[in-house]
Amino acid sequence: ISYAIGVATPTSFYVDLHGADTIDPAK
């Protein structure tokens, strides 16, 4: 996750499941 100082909403959010195919990481 990433942030900018003074801003509430994250600037990014990333998920890595290391090859698992049970669910789409984008979901």
PDB file of all heavy atoms in Angstrom:
ATOM      1  N   ILE A   1       0.856  -1.175   0.000  1.00  0.00           N
ATOM      2  CA  ILE A   1       0.000   0.000   0.000  1.00  0.00           C
ATOM      3  C   ILE A   1       0.897   1.232   0.000  1.00  0.00           C
ATOM      4  O   ILE A   1       2.045   1.167   0.455  1.00  0.00           O
ATOM      5  CB  ILE A   1      -0.957  -0.009   1.218  1.00  0.00           C
ATOM      6  CG1 ILE A   1      -2.134   0.946   1.018  1.00  0.00           C
ATOM      7  CG2 ILE A   1      -0.215   0.293   2.516  1.00  0.00           C
ATOM      8  CD1 ILE A   1      -3.253   0.757   2.051  1.00  0.00           C
ATOM      9  N   SER A   2       0.400   2.343  -0.531  1.00  0.00           N
ATOM     10  CA  SER A   2       1.193   3.574  -0.527  1.00  0.00           C
ATOM     11  C   SER A   2       0.310   4.771  -0.226  1.00  0.00           C
ATOM     12  O   SER A   2      -0.905   4.737  -0.433  1.00  0.00           O
ATOM     13  CB  SER A   2       1.898   3.774  -1.874  1.00  0.00           C
ATOM     14  OG  SER A   2       0.952   4.029  -2.908  1.00  0.00           O
ATOM     15  N   TYR A   3       0.951   5.833   0.272  1.00  0.00           N
ATOM     16  CA  TYR A   3       0.243   7.050   0.681  1.00  0.00           C
ATOM     17  C   TYR A   3       1.044   8.290   0.303  1.00  0.00           C
ATOM     18  O   TYR A   3       2.274   8.229   0.122  1.00  0.00           O
ATOM     19  CB  TYR A   3       0.034   7.079   2.205  1.00  0.00           C
ATOM     20  CG  TYR A   3      -0.896   6.031   2.729  1.00  0.00           C
ATOM     21  CD1 TYR A   3      -0.405   4.772   3.098  1.00  0.00           C
ATOM     22  CD2 TYR A   3      -2.259   6.272   2.871  1.00  0.00           C
ATOM     23  CE1 TYR A   3      -1.249   3.789   3.591  1.00  0.00           C
ATOM     24  CE2 TYR A   3      -3.116   5.290   3.368  1.00  0.00           C
ATOM     25  CZ  TYR A   3      -2.605   4.063   3.725  1.00  0.00           C
ATOM     26  OH  TYR A   3      -3.450   3.090   4.215  1.00  0.00           O
ATOM     27  N   ALA A   4       0.336   9.411   0.235  1.00  0.00           N
ATOM     28  CA  ALA A   4       0.956  10.740   0.159  1.00  0.00           C
ATOM     29  C   ALA A   4       0.690  11.452   1.476  1.00  0.00           C
ATOM     30  O   ALA A   4      -0.391  11.299   2.068  1.00  0.00           O
ATOM     31  CB  ALA A   4       0.364  11.546  -1.000  1.00  0.00           C
ATOM     32  N   ILE A   5       1.645  12.235   1.943  1.00  0.00           N
ATOM     33  CA  ILE A   5       1.479  12.932   3.212  1.00  0.00           C
ATOM     34  C   ILE A   5       0.280  13.882   3.143  1.00  0.00           C
ATOM     35  O   ILE A   5       0.077  14.596   2.164  1.00  0.00           O
ATOM     36  CB  ILE A   5       2.758  13.705   3.612  1.00  0.00           C
ATOM     37  CG1 ILE A   5       2.617  14.279   5.034  1.00  0.00           C
ATOM     38  CG2 ILE A   5       3.111  14.781   2.592  1.00  0.00           C
ATOM     39  CD1 ILE A   5       3.922  14.826   5.604  1.00  0.00           C
ATOM     40  N   GLY A   6      -0.538  13.816   4.181  1.00  0.00           N
ATOM     41  CA  GLY A   6      -1.687  14.697   4.284  1.00  0.00           C
ATOM     42  C   GLY A   6      -2.915  14.241   3.516  1.00  0.00           C
ATOM     43  O   GLY A   6      -3.965  14.876   3.593  1.00  0.00           O
ATOM     44  N   VAL A   7      -2.821  13.119   2.780  1.00  0.00           N
ATOM     45  CA  VAL A   7      -3.933  12.619   1.963  1.00  0.00           C
ATOM     46  C   VAL A   7      -4.461  11.332   2.585  1.00  0.00           C
ATOM     47  O   VAL A   7      -3.683  10.434   2.922  1.00  0.00           O
ATOM     48  CB  VAL A   7      -3.488  12.372   0.502  1.00  0.00           C
ATOM     49  CG1 VAL A   7      -4.646  11.843  -0.333  1.00  0.00           C
ATOM     50  CG2 VAL A   7      -2.922  13.649  -0.107  1.00  0.00           C
ATOM     51  N   ALA A   8      -5.772  11.222   2.723  1.00  0.00           N
ATOM     52  CA  ALA A   8      -6.362  10.075   3.410  1.00  0.00           C
ATOM     53  C   ALA A   8      -6.386   8.811   2.553  1.00  0.00           C
ATOM     54  O   ALA A   8      -6.081   7.716   3.031  1.00  0.00           O
ATOM     55  CB  ALA A   8      -7.771  10.415   3.874  1.00  0.00           C
ATOM     56  N   THR A   9      -6.763   8.952   1.289  1.00  0.00           N
ATOM     57  CA  THR A   9      -6.944   7.786   0.428  1.00  0.00           C
ATOM     58  C   THR A   9      -5.595   7.244  -0.043  1.00  0.00           C
ATOM     59  O   THR A   9      -4.736   8.019  -0.486  1.00  0.00           O
ATOM     60  CB  THR A   9      -7.791   8.154  -0.797  1.00  0.00           C
ATOM     61  OG1 THR A   9      -9.017   8.729  -0.362  1.00  0.00           O
ATOM     62  CG2 THR A   9      -8.094   6.925  -1.642  1.00  0.00           C
ATOM     63  N   PRO A  10      -5.382   5.932   0.016  1.00  0.00           N
ATOM     64  CA  PRO A  10      -4.122   5.372  -0.485  1.00  0.00           C
ATOM     65  C   PRO A  10      -3.905   5.713  -1.950  1.00  0.00           C
ATOM     66  O   PRO A  10      -4.861   5.805  -2.733  1.00  0.00           O
ATOM     67  CB  PRO A  10      -4.302   3.862  -0.293  1.00  0.00           C
ATOM     68  CG  PRO A  10      -5.360   3.718   0.745  1.00  0.00           C
ATOM     69  CD  PRO A  10      -6.272   4.887   0.578  1.00  0.00           C
ATOM     70  N   THR A  11      -2.657   5.890  -2.341  1.00  0.00           N
ATOM     71  CA  THR A  11      -2.352   6.160  -3.744  1.00  0.00           C
ATOM     72  C   THR A  11      -2.244   4.877  -4.565  1.00  0.00           C
ATOM     73  O   THR A  11      -2.311   4.923  -5.799  1.00  0.00           O
ATOM     74  CB  THR A  11      -1.043   6.957  -3.878  1.00  0.00           C
ATOM     75  OG1 THR A  11       0.000   6.284  -3.163  1.00  0.00           O
ATOM     76  CG2 THR A  11      -1.206   8.359  -3.297  1.00  0.00           C
ATOM     77  N   SER A  12      -2.050   3.732  -3.894  1.00  0.00           N
ATOM     78  CA  SER A  12      -2.040   2.449  -4.600  1.00  0.00           C
ATOM     79  C   SER A  12      -2.289   1.318  -3.616  1.00  0.00           C
ATOM     80  O   SER A  12      -2.094   1.463  -2.407  1.00  0.00           O
ATOM     81  CB  SER A  12      -0.703   2.220  -5.323  1.00  0.00           C
ATOM     82  OG  SER A  12       0.348   2.047  -4.393  1.00  0.00           O
ATOM     83  N   PHE A  13      -2.727   0.170  -4.168  1.00  0.00           N
ATOM     84  CA  PHE A  13      -2.937  -1.040  -3.367  1.00  0.00           C
ATOM     85  C   PHE A  13      -2.697  -2.230  -4.285  1.00  0.00           C
ATOM     86  O   PHE A  13      -3.314  -2.351  -5.339  1.00  0.00           O
ATOM     87  CB  PHE A  13      -4.372  -1.080  -2.818  1.00  0.00           C
ATOM     88  CG  PHE A  13      -4.594  -2.166  -1.797  1.00  0.00           C
ATOM     89  CD1 PHE A  13      -4.286  -1.953  -0.460  1.00  0.00           C
ATOM     90  CD2 PHE A  13      -5.088  -3.402  -2.171  1.00  0.00           C
ATOM     91  CE1 PHE A  13      -4.476  -2.950   0.491  1.00  0.00           C
ATOM     92  CE2 PHE A  13      -5.286  -4.413  -1.227  1.00  0.00           C
ATOM     93  CZ  PHE A  13      -4.973  -4.177   0.107  1.00  0.00           C
ATOM     94  N   TYR A  14      -1.774  -3.115  -3.871  1.00  0.00           N
ATOM     95  CA  TYR A  14      -1.321  -4.218  -4.722  1.00  0.00           C
ATOM     96  C   TYR A  14      -1.351  -5.527  -3.948  1.00  0.00           C
ATOM     97  O   TYR A  14      -0.967  -5.576  -2.778  1.00  0.00           O
ATOM     98  CB  TYR A  14       0.110  -3.921  -5.195  1.00  0.00           C
ATOM     99  CG  TYR A  14       0.863  -5.087  -5.792  1.00  0.00           C
ATOM    100  CD1 TYR A  14       0.636  -5.502  -7.096  1.00  0.00           C
ATOM    101  CD2 TYR A  14       1.841  -5.757  -5.047  1.00  0.00           C
ATOM    102  CE1 TYR A  14       1.355  -6.558  -7.649  1.00  0.00           C
ATOM    103  CE2 TYR A  14       2.565  -6.818  -5.589  1.00  0.00           C
ATOM    104  CZ  TYR A  14       2.315  -7.213  -6.891  1.00  0.00           C
ATOM    105  OH  TYR A  14       3.014  -8.251  -7.434  1.00  0.00           O
ATOM    106  N   VAL A  15      -1.790  -6.601  -4.613  1.00  0.00           N
ATOM    107  CA  VAL A  15      -1.855  -7.935  -3.997  1.00  0.00           C
ATOM    108  C   VAL A  15      -1.110  -8.930  -4.879  1.00  0.00           C
ATOM    109  O   VAL A  15      -1.334  -9.001  -6.093  1.00  0.00           O
ATOM    110  CB  VAL A  15      -3.306  -8.405  -3.814  1.00  0.00           C
ATOM    111  CG1 VAL A  15      -3.344  -9.839  -3.261  1.00  0.00           C
ATOM    112  CG2 VAL A  15      -4.077  -7.469  -2.896  1.00  0.00           C
ATOM    113  N   ASP A  16      -0.223  -9.718  -4.271  1.00  0.00           N
ATOM    114  CA  ASP A  16       0.500 -10.791  -4.955  1.00  0.00           C
ATOM    115  C   ASP A  16       0.207 -12.096  -4.226  1.00  0.00           C
ATOM    116  O   ASP A  16       0.506 -12.225  -3.034  1.00  0.00           O
ATOM    117  CB  ASP A  16       2.000 -10.499  -4.937  1.00  0.00           C
ATOM    118  CG  ASP A  16       2.817 -11.523  -5.721  1.00  0.00           C
ATOM    119  OD1 ASP A  16       2.246 -12.518  -6.215  1.00  0.00           O
ATOM    120  OD2 ASP A  16       4.050 -11.330  -5.849  1.00  0.00           O
ATOM    121  N   LEU A  17      -0.382 -13.057  -4.941  1.00  0.00           N
ATOM    122  CA  LEU A  17      -0.711 -14.359  -4.353  1.00  0.00           C
ATOM    123  C   LEU A  17       0.324 -15.425  -4.713  1.00  0.00           C
ATOM    124  O   LEU A  17       0.098 -16.612  -4.464  1.00  0.00           O
ATOM    125  CB  LEU A  17      -2.106 -14.804  -4.802  1.00  0.00           C
ATOM    126  CG  LEU A  17      -3.258 -13.868  -4.418  1.00  0.00           C
ATOM    127  CD1 LEU A  17      -4.583 -14.433  -4.910  1.00  0.00           C
ATOM    128  CD2 LEU A  17      -3.298 -13.635  -2.908  1.00  0.00           C
ATOM    129  N   HIS A  18       1.412 -15.024  -5.302  1.00  0.00           N
ATOM    130  CA  HIS A  18       2.551 -15.908  -5.571  1.00  0.00           C
ATOM    131  C   HIS A  18       2.144 -17.159  -6.351  1.00  0.00           C
ATOM    132  O   HIS A  18       2.543 -18.281  -6.014  1.00  0.00           O
ATOM    133  CB  HIS A  18       3.258 -16.282  -4.266  1.00  0.00           C
ATOM    134  CG  HIS A  18       3.785 -15.093  -3.530  1.00  0.00           C
ATOM    135  ND1 HIS A  18       5.039 -14.563  -3.744  1.00  0.00           N
ATOM    136  CD2 HIS A  18       3.204 -14.290  -2.589  1.00  0.00           C
ATOM    137  CE1 HIS A  18       5.216 -13.515  -2.965  1.00  0.00           C
ATOM    138  NE2 HIS A  18       4.119 -13.312  -2.256  1.00  0.00           N
ATOM    139  N   GLY A  19       1.339 -16.947  -7.380  1.00  0.00           N
ATOM    140  CA  GLY A  19       0.983 -18.034  -8.283  1.00  0.00           C
ATOM    141  C   GLY A  19      -0.309 -18.756  -7.974  1.00  0.00           C
ATOM    142  O   GLY A  19      -0.762 -19.574  -8.781  1.00  0.00           O
ATOM    143  N   ALA A  20      -0.918 -18.495  -6.836  1.00  0.00           N
ATOM    144  CA  ALA A  20      -2.192 -19.155  -6.512  1.00  0.00           C
ATOM    145  C   ALA A  20      -3.268 -18.709  -7.502  1.00  0.00           C
ATOM    146  O   ALA A  20      -3.336 -17.534  -7.889  1.00  0.00           O
ATOM    147  CB  ALA A  20      -2.621 -18.818  -5.096  1.00  0.00           C
ATOM    148  N   ASP A  21      -4.114 -19.655  -7.926  1.00  0.00           N
ATOM    149  CA  ASP A  21      -5.142 -19.334  -8.926  1.00  0.00           C
ATOM    150  C   ASP A  21      -6.557 -19.484  -8.384  1.00  0.00           C
ATOM    151  O   ASP A  21      -7.515 -19.636  -9.139  1.00  0.00           O
ATOM    152  CB  ASP A  21      -4.958 -20.201 -10.168  1.00  0.00           C
ATOM    153  CG  ASP A  21      -5.036 -21.703  -9.865  1.00  0.00           C
ATOM    154  OD1 ASP A  21      -5.281 -22.066  -8.694  1.00  0.00           O
ATOM    155  OD2 ASP A  21      -4.842 -22.508 -10.795  1.00  0.00           O
ATOM    156  N   THR A  22      -6.698 -19.438  -7.065  1.00  0.00           N
ATOM    157  CA  THR A  22      -8.026 -19.584  -6.457  1.00  0.00           C
ATOM    158  C   THR A  22      -8.886 -18.348  -6.653  1.00  0.00           C
ATOM    159  O   THR A  22     -10.116 -18.428  -6.618  1.00  0.00           O
ATOM    160  CB  THR A  22      -7.890 -19.857  -4.952  1.00  0.00           C
ATOM    161  OG1 THR A  22      -7.043 -18.852  -4.379  1.00  0.00           O
ATOM    162  CG2 THR A  22      -7.299 -21.228  -4.688  1.00  0.00           C
ATOM    163  N   ILE A  23      -8.257 -17.197  -6.818  1.00  0.00           N
ATOM    164  CA  ILE A  23      -8.986 -15.949  -6.982  1.00  0.00           C
ATOM    165  C   ILE A  23      -8.092 -14.958  -7.723  1.00  0.00           C
ATOM    166  O   ILE A  23      -6.862 -15.018  -7.618  1.00  0.00           O
ATOM    167  CB  ILE A  23      -9.408 -15.375  -5.605  1.00  0.00           C
ATOM    168  CG1 ILE A  23     -10.367 -14.190  -5.766  1.00  0.00           C
ATOM    169  CG2 ILE A  23      -8.194 -15.003  -4.768  1.00  0.00           C
ATOM    170  CD1 ILE A  23     -11.000 -13.744  -4.454  1.00  0.00           C
ATOM    171  N   ASP A  24      -8.696 -14.071  -8.466  1.00  0.00           N
ATOM    172  CA  ASP A  24      -7.951 -13.050  -9.193  1.00  0.00           C
ATOM    173  C   ASP A  24      -7.431 -12.000  -8.203  1.00  0.00           C
ATOM    174  O   ASP A  24      -8.223 -11.388  -7.483  1.00  0.00           O
ATOM    175  CB  ASP A  24      -8.882 -12.389 -10.217  1.00  0.00           C
ATOM    176  CG  ASP A  24      -8.161 -11.374 -11.102  1.00  0.00           C
ATOM    177  OD1 ASP A  24      -6.979 -11.087 -10.848  1.00  0.00           O
ATOM    178  OD2 ASP A  24      -8.811 -10.853 -12.031  1.00  0.00           O
ATOM    179  N   PRO A  25      -6.125 -11.777  -8.156  1.00  0.00           N
ATOM    180  CA  PRO A  25      -5.599 -10.753  -7.237  1.00  0.00           C
ATOM    181  C   PRO A  25      -6.228  -9.373  -7.457  1.00  0.00           C
ATOM    182  O   PRO A  25      -6.382  -8.609  -6.508  1.00  0.00           O
ATOM    183  CB  PRO A  25      -4.097 -10.730  -7.544  1.00  0.00           C
ATOM    184  CG  PRO A  25      -3.802 -12.071  -8.114  1.00  0.00           C
ATOM    185  CD  PRO A  25      -5.035 -12.471  -8.868  1.00  0.00           C
ATOM    186  N   ALA A  26      -6.580  -9.082  -8.701  1.00  0.00           N
ATOM    187  CA  ALA A  26      -7.201  -7.784  -8.985  1.00  0.00           C
ATOM    188  C   ALA A  26      -8.531  -7.630  -8.246  1.00  0.00           C
ATOM    189  O   ALA A  26      -8.904  -6.514  -7.855  1.00  0.00           O
ATOM    190  CB  ALA A  26      -7.419  -7.620 -10.493  1.00  0.00           C
ATOM    191  N   LYS A  27      -9.235  -8.735  -8.054  1.00  0.00           N
ATOM    192  CA  LYS A  27     -10.485  -8.695  -7.298  1.00  0.00           C
ATOM    193  C   LYS A  27     -10.205  -8.349  -5.838  1.00  0.00           C
ATOM    194  O   LYS A  27     -10.906  -7.530  -5.229  1.00  0.00           O
ATOM    195  CB  LYS A  27     -11.200 -10.039  -7.405  1.00  0.00           C
ATOM    196  CG  LYS A  27     -12.575 -10.070  -6.751  1.00  0.00           C
ATOM    197  CD  LYS A  27     -13.263 -11.404  -6.990  1.00  0.00           C
ATOM    198  CE  LYS A  27     -14.665 -11.413  -6.393  1.00  0.00           C
ATOM    199  NZ  LYS A  27     -15.348 -12.732  -6.641  1.00  0.00           N
TER     200      LYS A  27
END
